[in-house]
Amino acid sequence: MERTPRARRFPVVDQYPGPDQGEGLFVADLSCTGARVCTRNLAPVGAQIDVRCTFVEDDLYSVIGIADVVRRNELTGEMGLRFVWLTAESKEALLRLEGRRTRASSARRRSIIRR
């Protein structure tokens, strides 16, 4: 089976507590196609879950949609999610974030090369 390359991931640093805070759920990183979340209550692989995440990067971002659980690690309490459906605003926010991260990464590479 041929693997497709993963989308660029964005670590999530500042998150607003959501309704699942009591479950200890937080997003470790996300991309335009999915997310890695940490939680005490792992869902089984193949389960479909609602996604609602709000965080701060250079602006306030919200990601709202539905995702499939594609992998889980009971030792680390992590689940890999693949987005099945996202609101138009969520897609736009992820694309905007991806563009900013790509530009910042290119600028850092250029400054390192010039030294």
PDB file of N, CA and C in Angstrom:
ATOM      1  N   MET A   1       0.840  -1.168   0.000  1.00  0.00           N
ATOM      2  CA  MET A   1       0.000   0.000   0.000  1.00  0.00           C
ATOM      3  C   MET A   1       0.895   1.245   0.000  1.00  0.00           C
ATOM      4  N   GLU A   2       0.594   2.177  -0.862  1.00  0.00           N
ATOM      5  CA  GLU A   2       1.384   3.394  -0.994  1.00  0.00           C
ATOM      6  C   GLU A   2       0.889   4.449  -0.012  1.00  0.00           C
ATOM      7  N   ARG A   3       1.841   5.063   0.714  1.00  0.00           N
ATOM      8  CA  ARG A   3       1.481   6.105   1.684  1.00  0.00           C
ATOM      9  C   ARG A   3       1.473   7.460   1.014  1.00  0.00           C
ATOM     10  N   THR A   4       0.506   8.268   1.384  1.00  0.00           N
ATOM     11  CA  THR A   4       0.486   9.643   0.907  1.00  0.00           C
ATOM     12  C   THR A   4       1.234  10.503   1.911  1.00  0.00           C
ATOM     13  N   PRO A   5       1.936  11.532   1.437  1.00  0.00           N
ATOM     14  CA  PRO A   5       2.664  12.382   2.366  1.00  0.00           C
ATOM     15  C   PRO A   5       1.710  13.108   3.313  1.00  0.00           C
ATOM     16  N   ARG A   6       2.153  13.292   4.548  1.00  0.00           N
ATOM     17  CA  ARG A   6       1.338  14.000   5.525  1.00  0.00           C
ATOM     18  C   ARG A   6       1.331  15.491   5.237  1.00  0.00           C
ATOM     19  N   ALA A   7       0.254  16.115   5.613  1.00  0.00           N
ATOM     20  CA  ALA A   7       0.167  17.575   5.490  1.00  0.00           C
ATOM     21  C   ALA A   7       1.050  18.207   6.560  1.00  0.00           C
ATOM     22  N   ARG A   8       1.473  19.434   6.311  1.00  0.00           N
ATOM     23  CA  ARG A   8       2.307  20.160   7.268  1.00  0.00           C
ATOM     24  C   ARG A   8       1.555  20.312   8.585  1.00  0.00           C
ATOM     25  N   ARG A   9       2.222  19.975   9.692  1.00  0.00           N
ATOM     26  CA  ARG A   9       1.598  20.041  11.013  1.00  0.00           C
ATOM     27  C   ARG A   9       1.962  21.329  11.726  1.00  0.00           C
ATOM     28  N   PHE A  10       1.030  21.809  12.549  1.00  0.00           N
ATOM     29  CA  PHE A  10       1.223  23.009  13.338  1.00  0.00           C
ATOM     30  C   PHE A  10       1.088  22.642  14.808  1.00  0.00           C
ATOM     31  N   PRO A  11       2.143  22.840  15.607  1.00  0.00           N
ATOM     32  CA  PRO A  11       1.958  22.609  17.044  1.00  0.00           C
ATOM     33  C   PRO A  11       0.985  23.638  17.614  1.00  0.00           C
ATOM     34  N   VAL A  12       0.170  23.222  18.528  1.00  0.00           N
ATOM     35  CA  VAL A  12      -0.801  24.119  19.155  1.00  0.00           C
ATOM     36  C   VAL A  12      -0.287  24.428  20.557  1.00  0.00           C
ATOM     37  N   VAL A  13      -0.066  25.708  20.836  1.00  0.00           N
ATOM     38  CA  VAL A  13       0.518  26.109  22.109  1.00  0.00           C
ATOM     39  C   VAL A  13      -0.547  26.622  23.064  1.00  0.00           C
ATOM     40  N   ASP A  14      -1.252  27.676  22.695  1.00  0.00           N
ATOM     41  CA  ASP A  14      -2.258  28.294  23.577  1.00  0.00           C
ATOM     42  C   ASP A  14      -3.653  27.861  23.158  1.00  0.00           C
ATOM     43  N   GLN A  15      -4.340  27.145  24.052  1.00  0.00           N
ATOM     44  CA  GLN A  15      -5.699  26.706  23.776  1.00  0.00           C
ATOM     45  C   GLN A  15      -6.637  27.281  24.824  1.00  0.00           C
ATOM     46  N   TYR A  16      -7.841  27.569  24.390  1.00  0.00           N
ATOM     47  CA  TYR A  16      -8.865  27.971  25.331  1.00  0.00           C
ATOM     48  C   TYR A  16      -9.527  26.711  25.867  1.00  0.00           C
ATOM     49  N   PRO A  17      -9.786  26.652  27.169  1.00  0.00           N
ATOM     50  CA  PRO A  17     -10.458  25.468  27.699  1.00  0.00           C
ATOM     51  C   PRO A  17     -11.841  25.319  27.098  1.00  0.00           C
ATOM     52  N   GLY A  18     -12.170  24.127  26.711  1.00  0.00           N
ATOM     53  CA  GLY A  18     -13.472  23.869  26.111  1.00  0.00           C
ATOM     54  C   GLY A  18     -14.327  23.015  27.020  1.00  0.00           C
ATOM     55  N   PRO A  19     -15.448  22.556  26.501  1.00  0.00           N
ATOM     56  CA  PRO A  19     -16.349  21.755  27.323  1.00  0.00           C
ATOM     57  C   PRO A  19     -15.735  20.423  27.741  1.00  0.00           C
ATOM     58  N   ASP A  20     -14.723  19.955  26.997  1.00  0.00           N
ATOM     59  CA  ASP A  20     -14.102  18.665  27.315  1.00  0.00           C
ATOM     60  C   ASP A  20     -12.932  18.808  28.274  1.00  0.00           C
ATOM     61  N   GLN A  21     -12.715  19.987  28.842  1.00  0.00           N
ATOM     62  CA  GLN A  21     -11.572  20.218  29.709  1.00  0.00           C
ATOM     63  C   GLN A  21     -11.561  19.221  30.871  1.00  0.00           C
ATOM     64  N   GLY A  22     -12.719  18.884  31.381  1.00  0.00           N
ATOM     65  CA  GLY A  22     -12.802  17.926  32.479  1.00  0.00           C
ATOM     66  C   GLY A  22     -12.272  16.559  32.087  1.00  0.00           C
ATOM     67  N   GLU A  23     -12.289  16.243  30.791  1.00  0.00           N
ATOM     68  CA  GLU A  23     -11.768  14.971  30.315  1.00  0.00           C
ATOM     69  C   GLU A  23     -10.266  15.053  30.053  1.00  0.00           C
ATOM     70  N   GLY A  24      -9.671  16.238  30.247  1.00  0.00           N
ATOM     71  CA  GLY A  24      -8.248  16.391  30.028  1.00  0.00           C
ATOM     72  C   GLY A  24      -7.867  16.275  28.569  1.00  0.00           C
ATOM     73  N   LEU A  25      -8.695  16.748  27.658  1.00  0.00           N
ATOM     74  CA  LEU A  25      -8.435  16.643  26.227  1.00  0.00           C
ATOM     75  C   LEU A  25      -7.780  17.915  25.719  1.00  0.00           C
ATOM     76  N   PHE A  26      -6.680  17.763  24.967  1.00  0.00           N
ATOM     77  CA  PHE A  26      -6.098  18.921  24.313  1.00  0.00           C
ATOM     78  C   PHE A  26      -5.468  18.508  22.991  1.00  0.00           C
ATOM     79  N   VAL A  27      -5.360  19.469  22.085  1.00  0.00           N
ATOM     80  CA  VAL A  27      -4.801  19.234  20.761  1.00  0.00           C
ATOM     81  C   VAL A  27      -3.301  19.486  20.828  1.00  0.00           C
ATOM     82  N   ALA A  28      -2.504  18.486  20.450  1.00  0.00           N
ATOM     83  CA  ALA A  28      -1.045  18.624  20.459  1.00  0.00           C
ATOM     84  C   ALA A  28      -0.564  19.297  19.183  1.00  0.00           C
ATOM     85  N   ASP A  29      -1.091  18.869  18.045  1.00  0.00           N
ATOM     86  CA  ASP A  29      -0.785  19.529  16.786  1.00  0.00           C
ATOM     87  C   ASP A  29      -1.903  19.240  15.801  1.00  0.00           C
ATOM     88  N   LEU A  30      -1.957  20.061  14.757  1.00  0.00           N
ATOM     89  CA  LEU A  30      -2.980  19.837  13.734  1.00  0.00           C
ATOM     90  C   LEU A  30      -2.447  20.255  12.381  1.00  0.00           C
ATOM     91  N   SER A  31      -3.155  19.816  11.360  1.00  0.00           N
ATOM     92  CA  SER A  31      -2.822  20.149   9.982  1.00  0.00           C
ATOM     93  C   SER A  31      -4.122  20.395   9.252  1.00  0.00           C
ATOM     94  N   CYS A  32      -4.037  20.633   7.961  1.00  0.00           N
ATOM     95  CA  CYS A  32      -5.253  20.844   7.173  1.00  0.00           C
ATOM     96  C   CYS A  32      -6.059  19.557   7.025  1.00  0.00           C
ATOM     97  N   THR A  33      -5.443  18.407   7.298  1.00  0.00           N
ATOM     98  CA  THR A  33      -6.128  17.133   7.105  1.00  0.00           C
ATOM     99  C   THR A  33      -6.462  16.393   8.391  1.00  0.00           C
ATOM    100  N   GLY A  34      -5.893  16.807   9.529  1.00  0.00           N
ATOM    101  CA  GLY A  34      -6.165  16.077  10.760  1.00  0.00           C
ATOM    102  C   GLY A  34      -5.494  16.694  11.965  1.00  0.00           C
ATOM    103  N   ALA A  35      -5.498  15.939  13.064  1.00  0.00           N
ATOM    104  CA  ALA A  35      -4.943  16.438  14.324  1.00  0.00           C
ATOM    105  C   ALA A  35      -4.441  15.280  15.161  1.00  0.00           C
ATOM    106  N   ARG A  36      -3.565  15.620  16.103  1.00  0.00           N
ATOM    107  CA  ARG A  36      -3.131  14.673  17.128  1.00  0.00           C
ATOM    108  C   ARG A  36      -3.606  15.239  18.448  1.00  0.00           C
ATOM    109  N   VAL A  37      -4.427  14.473  19.162  1.00  0.00           N
ATOM    110  CA  VAL A  37      -4.974  14.935  20.431  1.00  0.00           C
ATOM    111  C   VAL A  37      -4.526  14.019  21.558  1.00  0.00           C
ATOM    112  N   CYS A  38      -4.445  14.585  22.745  1.00  0.00           N
ATOM    113  CA  CYS A  38      -4.107  13.836  23.945  1.00  0.00           C
ATOM    114  C   CYS A  38      -5.321  13.862  24.865  1.00  0.00           C
ATOM    115  N   THR A  39      -5.674  12.703  25.401  1.00  0.00           N
ATOM    116  CA  THR A  39      -6.848  12.612  26.256  1.00  0.00           C
ATOM    117  C   THR A  39      -6.746  11.395  27.164  1.00  0.00           C
ATOM    118  N   ARG A  40      -7.487  11.440  28.252  1.00  0.00           N
ATOM    119  CA  ARG A  40      -7.568  10.271  29.139  1.00  0.00           C
ATOM    120  C   ARG A  40      -8.613   9.275  28.631  1.00  0.00           C
ATOM    121  N   ASN A  41      -9.521   9.733  27.765  1.00  0.00           N
ATOM    122  CA  ASN A  41     -10.610   8.882  27.262  1.00  0.00           C
ATOM    123  C   ASN A  41     -10.419   8.637  25.768  1.00  0.00           C
ATOM    124  N   LEU A  42      -9.643   7.622  25.425  1.00  0.00           N
ATOM    125  CA  LEU A  42      -9.378   7.312  24.022  1.00  0.00           C
ATOM    126  C   LEU A  42     -10.593   6.676  23.367  1.00  0.00           C
ATOM    127  N   ALA A  43     -10.919   7.131  22.174  1.00  0.00           N
ATOM    128  CA  ALA A  43     -11.990   6.526  21.380  1.00  0.00           C
ATOM    129  C   ALA A  43     -11.371   5.402  20.542  1.00  0.00           C
ATOM    130  N   PRO A  44     -12.153   4.408  20.169  1.00  0.00           N
ATOM    131  CA  PRO A  44     -11.607   3.316  19.358  1.00  0.00           C
ATOM    132  C   PRO A  44     -11.287   3.774  17.928  1.00  0.00           C
ATOM    133  N   VAL A  45     -10.321   3.111  17.303  1.00  0.00           N
ATOM    134  CA  VAL A  45     -10.006   3.399  15.908  1.00  0.00           C
ATOM    135  C   VAL A  45     -11.259   3.145  15.079  1.00  0.00           C
ATOM    136  N   GLY A  46     -11.565   4.064  14.173  1.00  0.00           N
ATOM    137  CA  GLY A  46     -12.754   3.962  13.338  1.00  0.00           C
ATOM    138  C   GLY A  46     -13.923   4.785  13.858  1.00  0.00           C
ATOM    139  N   ALA A  47     -13.846   5.217  15.114  1.00  0.00           N
ATOM    140  CA  ALA A  47     -14.930   6.034  15.685  1.00  0.00           C
ATOM    141  C   ALA A  47     -14.929   7.410  15.021  1.00  0.00           C
ATOM    142  N   GLN A  48     -16.096   7.995  14.916  1.00  0.00           N
ATOM    143  CA  GLN A  48     -16.226   9.354  14.396  1.00  0.00           C
ATOM    144  C   GLN A  48     -16.544  10.266  15.569  1.00  0.00           C
ATOM    145  N   ILE A  49     -15.776  11.371  15.691  1.00  0.00           N
ATOM    146  CA  ILE A  49     -15.966  12.261  16.829  1.00  0.00           C
ATOM    147  C   ILE A  49     -16.148  13.697  16.361  1.00  0.00           C
ATOM    148  N   ASP A  50     -16.840  14.476  17.172  1.00  0.00           N
ATOM    149  CA  ASP A  50     -16.996  15.908  16.911  1.00  0.00           C
ATOM    150  C   ASP A  50     -15.712  16.611  17.330  1.00  0.00           C
ATOM    151  N   VAL A  51     -15.297  17.580  16.535  1.00  0.00           N
ATOM    152  CA  VAL A  51     -14.083  18.344  16.815  1.00  0.00           C
ATOM    153  C   VAL A  51     -14.470  19.792  17.044  1.00  0.00           C
ATOM    154  N   ARG A  52     -13.968  20.361  18.139  1.00  0.00           N
ATOM    155  CA  ARG A  52     -14.180  21.779  18.436  1.00  0.00           C
ATOM    156  C   ARG A  52     -12.952  22.244  19.211  1.00  0.00           C
ATOM    157  N   CYS A  53     -12.135  23.065  18.549  1.00  0.00           N
ATOM    158  CA  CYS A  53     -10.865  23.497  19.112  1.00  0.00           C
ATOM    159  C   CYS A  53     -10.692  24.986  18.857  1.00  0.00           C
ATOM    160  N   THR A  54     -10.341  25.732  19.888  1.00  0.00           N
ATOM    161  CA  THR A  54     -10.060  27.158  19.745  1.00  0.00           C
ATOM    162  C   THR A  54      -8.684  27.422  20.327  1.00  0.00           C
ATOM    163  N   PHE A  55      -7.833  28.109  19.564  1.00  0.00           N
ATOM    164  CA  PHE A  55      -6.475  28.379  20.026  1.00  0.00           C
ATOM    165  C   PHE A  55      -5.983  29.708  19.475  1.00  0.00           C
ATOM    166  N   VAL A  56      -4.886  30.169  20.040  1.00  0.00           N
ATOM    167  CA  VAL A  56      -4.295  31.438  19.643  1.00  0.00           C
ATOM    168  C   VAL A  56      -2.953  31.173  18.993  1.00  0.00           C
ATOM    169  N   GLU A  57      -2.754  31.733  17.845  1.00  0.00           N
ATOM    170  CA  GLU A  57      -1.438  31.728  17.187  1.00  0.00           C
ATOM    171  C   GLU A  57      -1.064  33.200  17.068  1.00  0.00           C
ATOM    172  N   ASP A  58      -1.251  33.784  15.921  1.00  0.00           N
ATOM    173  CA  ASP A  58      -1.118  35.230  15.770  1.00  0.00           C
ATOM    174  C   ASP A  58      -2.499  35.872  15.807  1.00  0.00           C
ATOM    175  N   ASP A  59      -3.514  35.037  15.835  1.00  0.00           N
ATOM    176  CA  ASP A  59      -4.906  35.450  15.849  1.00  0.00           C
ATOM    177  C   ASP A  59      -5.671  34.356  16.584  1.00  0.00           C
ATOM    178  N   LEU A  60      -6.954  34.539  16.771  1.00  0.00           N
ATOM    179  CA  LEU A  60      -7.792  33.513  17.381  1.00  0.00           C
ATOM    180  C   LEU A  60      -8.310  32.594  16.286  1.00  0.00           C
ATOM    181  N   TYR A  61      -8.089  31.286  16.415  1.00  0.00           N
ATOM    182  CA  TYR A  61      -8.512  30.313  15.425  1.00  0.00           C
ATOM    183  C   TYR A  61      -9.473  29.320  16.062  1.00  0.00           C
ATOM    184  N   SER A  62     -10.489  28.930  15.301  1.00  0.00           N
ATOM    185  CA  SER A  62     -11.405  27.880  15.740  1.00  0.00           C
ATOM    186  C   SER A  62     -11.499  26.835  14.649  1.00  0.00           C
ATOM    187  N   VAL A  63     -11.463  25.584  15.062  1.00  0.00           N
ATOM    188  CA  VAL A  63     -11.625  24.468  14.136  1.00  0.00           C
ATOM    189  C   VAL A  63     -12.822  23.669  14.628  1.00  0.00           C
ATOM    190  N   ILE A  64     -13.824  23.558  13.768  1.00  0.00           N
ATOM    191  CA  ILE A  64     -15.060  22.857  14.113  1.00  0.00           C
ATOM    192  C   ILE A  64     -15.384  21.888  12.987  1.00  0.00           C
ATOM    193  N   GLY A  65     -15.635  20.630  13.351  1.00  0.00           N
ATOM    194  CA  GLY A  65     -15.974  19.653  12.331  1.00  0.00           C
ATOM    195  C   GLY A  65     -16.146  18.256  12.893  1.00  0.00           C
ATOM    196  N   ILE A  66     -15.938  17.280  12.018  1.00  0.00           N
ATOM    197  CA  ILE A  66     -16.055  15.863  12.361  1.00  0.00           C
ATOM    198  C   ILE A  66     -14.788  15.173  11.889  1.00  0.00           C
ATOM    199  N   ALA A  67     -14.293  14.223  12.712  1.00  0.00           N
ATOM    200  CA  ALA A  67     -13.063  13.509  12.367  1.00  0.00           C
ATOM    201  C   ALA A  67     -13.203  12.026  12.674  1.00  0.00           C
ATOM    202  N   ASP A  68     -12.460  11.217  11.926  1.00  0.00           N
ATOM    203  CA  ASP A  68     -12.344   9.790  12.201  1.00  0.00           C
ATOM    204  C   ASP A  68     -11.095   9.553  13.036  1.00  0.00           C
ATOM    205  N   VAL A  69     -11.169   8.643  14.003  1.00  0.00           N
ATOM    206  CA  VAL A  69      -9.990   8.233  14.754  1.00  0.00           C
ATOM    207  C   VAL A  69      -9.250   7.219  13.881  1.00  0.00           C
ATOM    208  N   VAL A  70      -8.016   7.542  13.499  1.00  0.00           N
ATOM    209  CA  VAL A  70      -7.256   6.662  12.606  1.00  0.00           C
ATOM    210  C   VAL A  70      -6.144   5.914  13.334  1.00  0.00           C
ATOM    211  N   ARG A  71      -5.744   6.404  14.500  1.00  0.00           N
ATOM    212  CA  ARG A  71      -4.785   5.655  15.311  1.00  0.00           C
ATOM    213  C   ARG A  71      -4.897   6.105  16.754  1.00  0.00           C
ATOM    214  N   ARG A  72      -4.423   5.257  17.665  1.00  0.00           N
ATOM    215  CA  ARG A  72      -4.445   5.588  19.087  1.00  0.00           C
ATOM    216  C   ARG A  72      -3.280   4.907  19.764  1.00  0.00           C
ATOM    217  N   ASN A  73      -2.789   5.538  20.817  1.00  0.00           N
ATOM    218  CA  ASN A  73      -1.668   5.004  21.562  1.00  0.00           C
ATOM    219  C   ASN A  73      -2.046   5.056  23.038  1.00  0.00           C
ATOM    220  N   GLU A  74      -2.310   3.902  23.597  1.00  0.00           N
ATOM    221  CA  GLU A  74      -2.754   3.854  24.988  1.00  0.00           C
ATOM    222  C   GLU A  74      -1.644   4.238  25.960  1.00  0.00           C
ATOM    223  N   LEU A  75      -0.385   4.019  25.584  1.00  0.00           N
ATOM    224  CA  LEU A  75       0.728   4.370  26.475  1.00  0.00           C
ATOM    225  C   LEU A  75       0.875   5.879  26.643  1.00  0.00           C
ATOM    226  N   THR A  76       0.706   6.622  25.549  1.00  0.00           N
ATOM    227  CA  THR A  76       0.872   8.079  25.604  1.00  0.00           C
ATOM    228  C   THR A  76      -0.459   8.821  25.730  1.00  0.00           C
ATOM    229  N   GLY A  77      -1.577   8.130  25.543  1.00  0.00           N
ATOM    230  CA  GLY A  77      -2.888   8.778  25.616  1.00  0.00           C
ATOM    231  C   GLY A  77      -3.161   9.667  24.420  1.00  0.00           C
ATOM    232  N   GLU A  78      -2.625   9.301  23.245  1.00  0.00           N
ATOM    233  CA  GLU A  78      -2.788  10.115  22.041  1.00  0.00           C
ATOM    234  C   GLU A  78      -3.666   9.410  21.017  1.00  0.00           C
ATOM    235  N   MET A  79      -4.399  10.232  20.270  1.00  0.00           N
ATOM    236  CA  MET A  79      -5.195   9.735  19.143  1.00  0.00           C
ATOM    237  C   MET A  79      -4.843  10.552  17.912  1.00  0.00           C
ATOM    238  N   GLY A  80      -4.770   9.883  16.767  1.00  0.00           N
ATOM    239  CA  GLY A  80      -4.623  10.564  15.488  1.00  0.00           C
ATOM    240  C   GLY A  80      -5.993  10.685  14.846  1.00  0.00           C
ATOM    241  N   LEU A  81      -6.335  11.888  14.419  1.00  0.00           N
ATOM    242  CA  LEU A  81      -7.637  12.144  13.805  1.00  0.00           C
ATOM    243  C   LEU A  81      -7.470  12.579  12.358  1.00  0.00           C
ATOM    244  N   ARG A  82      -8.368  12.125  11.496  1.00  0.00           N
ATOM    245  CA  ARG A  82      -8.423  12.594  10.102  1.00  0.00           C
ATOM    246  C   ARG A  82      -9.754  13.317   9.933  1.00  0.00           C
ATOM    247  N   PHE A  83      -9.661  14.590   9.510  1.00  0.00           N
ATOM    248  CA  PHE A  83     -10.883  15.368   9.339  1.00  0.00           C
ATOM    249  C   PHE A  83     -11.713  14.801   8.194  1.00  0.00           C
ATOM    250  N   VAL A  84     -13.005  14.604   8.468  1.00  0.00           N
ATOM    251  CA  VAL A  84     -13.958  14.133   7.471  1.00  0.00           C
ATOM    252  C   VAL A  84     -14.748  15.320   6.936  1.00  0.00           C
ATOM    253  N   TRP A  85     -15.071  16.242   7.839  1.00  0.00           N
ATOM    254  CA  TRP A  85     -15.834  17.427   7.464  1.00  0.00           C
ATOM    255  C   TRP A  85     -15.408  18.577   8.371  1.00  0.00           C
ATOM    256  N   LEU A  86     -15.202  19.756   7.785  1.00  0.00           N
ATOM    257  CA  LEU A  86     -14.891  20.970   8.538  1.00  0.00           C
ATOM    258  C   LEU A  86     -15.773  22.099   8.039  1.00  0.00           C
ATOM    259  N   THR A  87     -16.087  23.035   8.910  1.00  0.00           N
ATOM    260  CA  THR A  87     -16.825  24.213   8.471  1.00  0.00           C
ATOM    261  C   THR A  87     -15.938  25.003   7.505  1.00  0.00           C
ATOM    262  N   ALA A  88     -16.555  25.828   6.684  1.00  0.00           N
ATOM    263  CA  ALA A  88     -15.792  26.646   5.733  1.00  0.00           C
ATOM    264  C   ALA A  88     -14.821  27.560   6.471  1.00  0.00           C
ATOM    265  N   GLU A  89     -15.244  28.096   7.605  1.00  0.00           N
ATOM    266  CA  GLU A  89     -14.375  28.978   8.401  1.00  0.00           C
ATOM    267  C   GLU A  89     -13.168  28.215   8.942  1.00  0.00           C
ATOM    268  N   SER A  90     -13.371  26.960   9.327  1.00  0.00           N
ATOM    269  CA  SER A  90     -12.269  26.140   9.839  1.00  0.00           C
ATOM    270  C   SER A  90     -11.254  25.849   8.744  1.00  0.00           C
ATOM    271  N   LYS A  91     -11.739  25.505   7.556  1.00  0.00           N
ATOM    272  CA  LYS A  91     -10.831  25.254   6.428  1.00  0.00           C
ATOM    273  C   LYS A  91     -10.019  26.496   6.113  1.00  0.00           C
ATOM    274  N   GLU A  92     -10.684  27.639   6.095  1.00  0.00           N
ATOM    275  CA  GLU A  92     -10.012  28.898   5.800  1.00  0.00           C
ATOM    276  C   GLU A  92      -8.956  29.212   6.862  1.00  0.00           C
ATOM    277  N   ALA A  93      -9.288  29.001   8.125  1.00  0.00           N
ATOM    278  CA  ALA A  93      -8.342  29.264   9.214  1.00  0.00           C
ATOM    279  C   ALA A  93      -7.112  28.370   9.097  1.00  0.00           C
ATOM    280  N   LEU A  94      -7.304  27.090   8.796  1.00  0.00           N
ATOM    281  CA  LEU A  94      -6.168  26.173   8.662  1.00  0.00           C
ATOM    282  C   LEU A  94      -5.293  26.533   7.467  1.00  0.00           C
ATOM    283  N   LEU A  95      -5.910  26.919   6.362  1.00  0.00           N
ATOM    284  CA  LEU A  95      -5.129  27.330   5.187  1.00  0.00           C
ATOM    285  C   LEU A  95      -4.355  28.620   5.462  1.00  0.00           C
ATOM    286  N   ARG A  96      -4.984  29.550   6.176  1.00  0.00           N
ATOM    287  CA  ARG A  96      -4.316  30.804   6.527  1.00  0.00           C
ATOM    288  C   ARG A  96      -3.124  30.524   7.454  1.00  0.00           C
ATOM    289  N   LEU A  97      -3.318  29.644   8.419  1.00  0.00           N
ATOM    290  CA  LEU A  97      -2.254  29.278   9.337  1.00  0.00           C
ATOM    291  C   LEU A  97      -1.126  28.562   8.598  1.00  0.00           C
ATOM    292  N   GLU A  98      -1.478  27.678   7.691  1.00  0.00           N
ATOM    293  CA  GLU A  98      -0.472  26.963   6.906  1.00  0.00           C
ATOM    294  C   GLU A  98       0.365  27.954   6.090  1.00  0.00           C
ATOM    295  N   GLY A  99      -0.277  28.942   5.485  1.00  0.00           N
ATOM    296  CA  GLY A  99       0.437  29.943   4.705  1.00  0.00           C
ATOM    297  C   GLY A  99       1.378  30.757   5.555  1.00  0.00           C
ATOM    298  N   ARG A 100       0.953  31.146   6.745  1.00  0.00           N
ATOM    299  CA  ARG A 100       1.817  31.926   7.643  1.00  0.00           C
ATOM    300  C   ARG A 100       2.991  31.101   8.118  1.00  0.00           C
ATOM    301  N   ARG A 101       2.759  29.852   8.454  1.00  0.00           N
ATOM    302  CA  ARG A 101       3.848  28.987   8.916  1.00  0.00           C
ATOM    303  C   ARG A 101       4.845  28.728   7.796  1.00  0.00           C
ATOM    304  N   THR A 102       4.352  28.533   6.571  1.00  0.00           N
ATOM    305  CA  THR A 102       5.232  28.272   5.434  1.00  0.00           C
ATOM    306  C   THR A 102       6.107  29.491   5.159  1.00  0.00           C
ATOM    307  N   ARG A 103       5.522  30.686   5.186  1.00  0.00           N
ATOM    308  CA  ARG A 103       6.308  31.910   4.965  1.00  0.00           C
ATOM    309  C   ARG A 103       7.343  32.099   6.066  1.00  0.00           C
ATOM    310  N   ALA A 104       6.969  31.847   7.321  1.00  0.00           N
ATOM    311  CA  ALA A 104       7.903  32.013   8.440  1.00  0.00           C
ATOM    312  C   ALA A 104       9.048  31.011   8.337  1.00  0.00           C
ATOM    313  N   SER A 105       8.735  29.792   7.954  1.00  0.00           N
ATOM    314  CA  SER A 105       9.765  28.754   7.810  1.00  0.00           C
ATOM    315  C   SER A 105      10.730  29.112   6.692  1.00  0.00           C
ATOM    316  N   SER A 106      10.222  29.621   5.574  1.00  0.00           N
ATOM    317  CA  SER A 106      11.073  30.017   4.451  1.00  0.00           C
ATOM    318  C   SER A 106      11.977  31.179   4.841  1.00  0.00           C
ATOM    319  N   ALA A 107      11.442  32.138   5.596  1.00  0.00           N
ATOM    320  CA  ALA A 107      12.236  33.286   6.032  1.00  0.00           C
ATOM    321  C   ALA A 107      13.358  32.837   6.966  1.00  0.00           C
ATOM    322  N   ARG A 108      13.077  31.895   7.874  1.00  0.00           N
ATOM    323  CA  ARG A 108      14.116  31.379   8.771  1.00  0.00           C
ATOM    324  C   ARG A 108      15.201  30.664   7.984  1.00  0.00           C
ATOM    325  N   ARG A 109      14.800  29.852   6.999  1.00  0.00           N
ATOM    326  CA  ARG A 109      15.784  29.136   6.177  1.00  0.00           C
ATOM    327  C   ARG A 109      16.673  30.114   5.437  1.00  0.00           C
ATOM    328  N   ARG A 110      16.085  31.169   4.869  1.00  0.00           N
ATOM    329  CA  ARG A 110      16.868  32.169   4.122  1.00  0.00           C
ATOM    330  C   ARG A 110      17.860  32.871   5.047  1.00  0.00           C
ATOM    331  N   SER A 111      17.447  33.209   6.270  1.00  0.00           N
ATOM    332  CA  SER A 111      18.349  33.912   7.179  1.00  0.00           C
ATOM    333  C   SER A 111      19.495  33.009   7.626  1.00  0.00           C
ATOM    334  N   ILE A 112      19.255  31.722   7.776  1.00  0.00           N
ATOM    335  CA  ILE A 112      20.308  30.777   8.157  1.00  0.00           C
ATOM    336  C   ILE A 112      21.293  30.617   7.014  1.00  0.00           C
ATOM    337  N   ILE A 113      20.808  30.528   5.794  1.00  0.00           N
ATOM    338  CA  ILE A 113      21.668  30.343   4.639  1.00  0.00           C
ATOM    339  C   ILE A 113      22.554  31.572   4.420  1.00  0.00           C
ATOM    340  N   ARG A 114      22.061  32.762   4.673  1.00  0.00           N
ATOM    341  CA  ARG A 114      22.820  33.988   4.439  1.00  0.00           C
ATOM    342  C   ARG A 114      23.968  34.176   5.422  1.00  0.00           C
ATOM    343  N   ARG A 115      23.902  33.583   6.571  1.00  0.00           N
ATOM    344  CA  ARG A 115      24.943  33.792   7.611  1.00  0.00           C
ATOM    345  C   ARG A 115      26.237  33.154   7.264  1.00  0.00           C
TER     346      ARG A 115
END
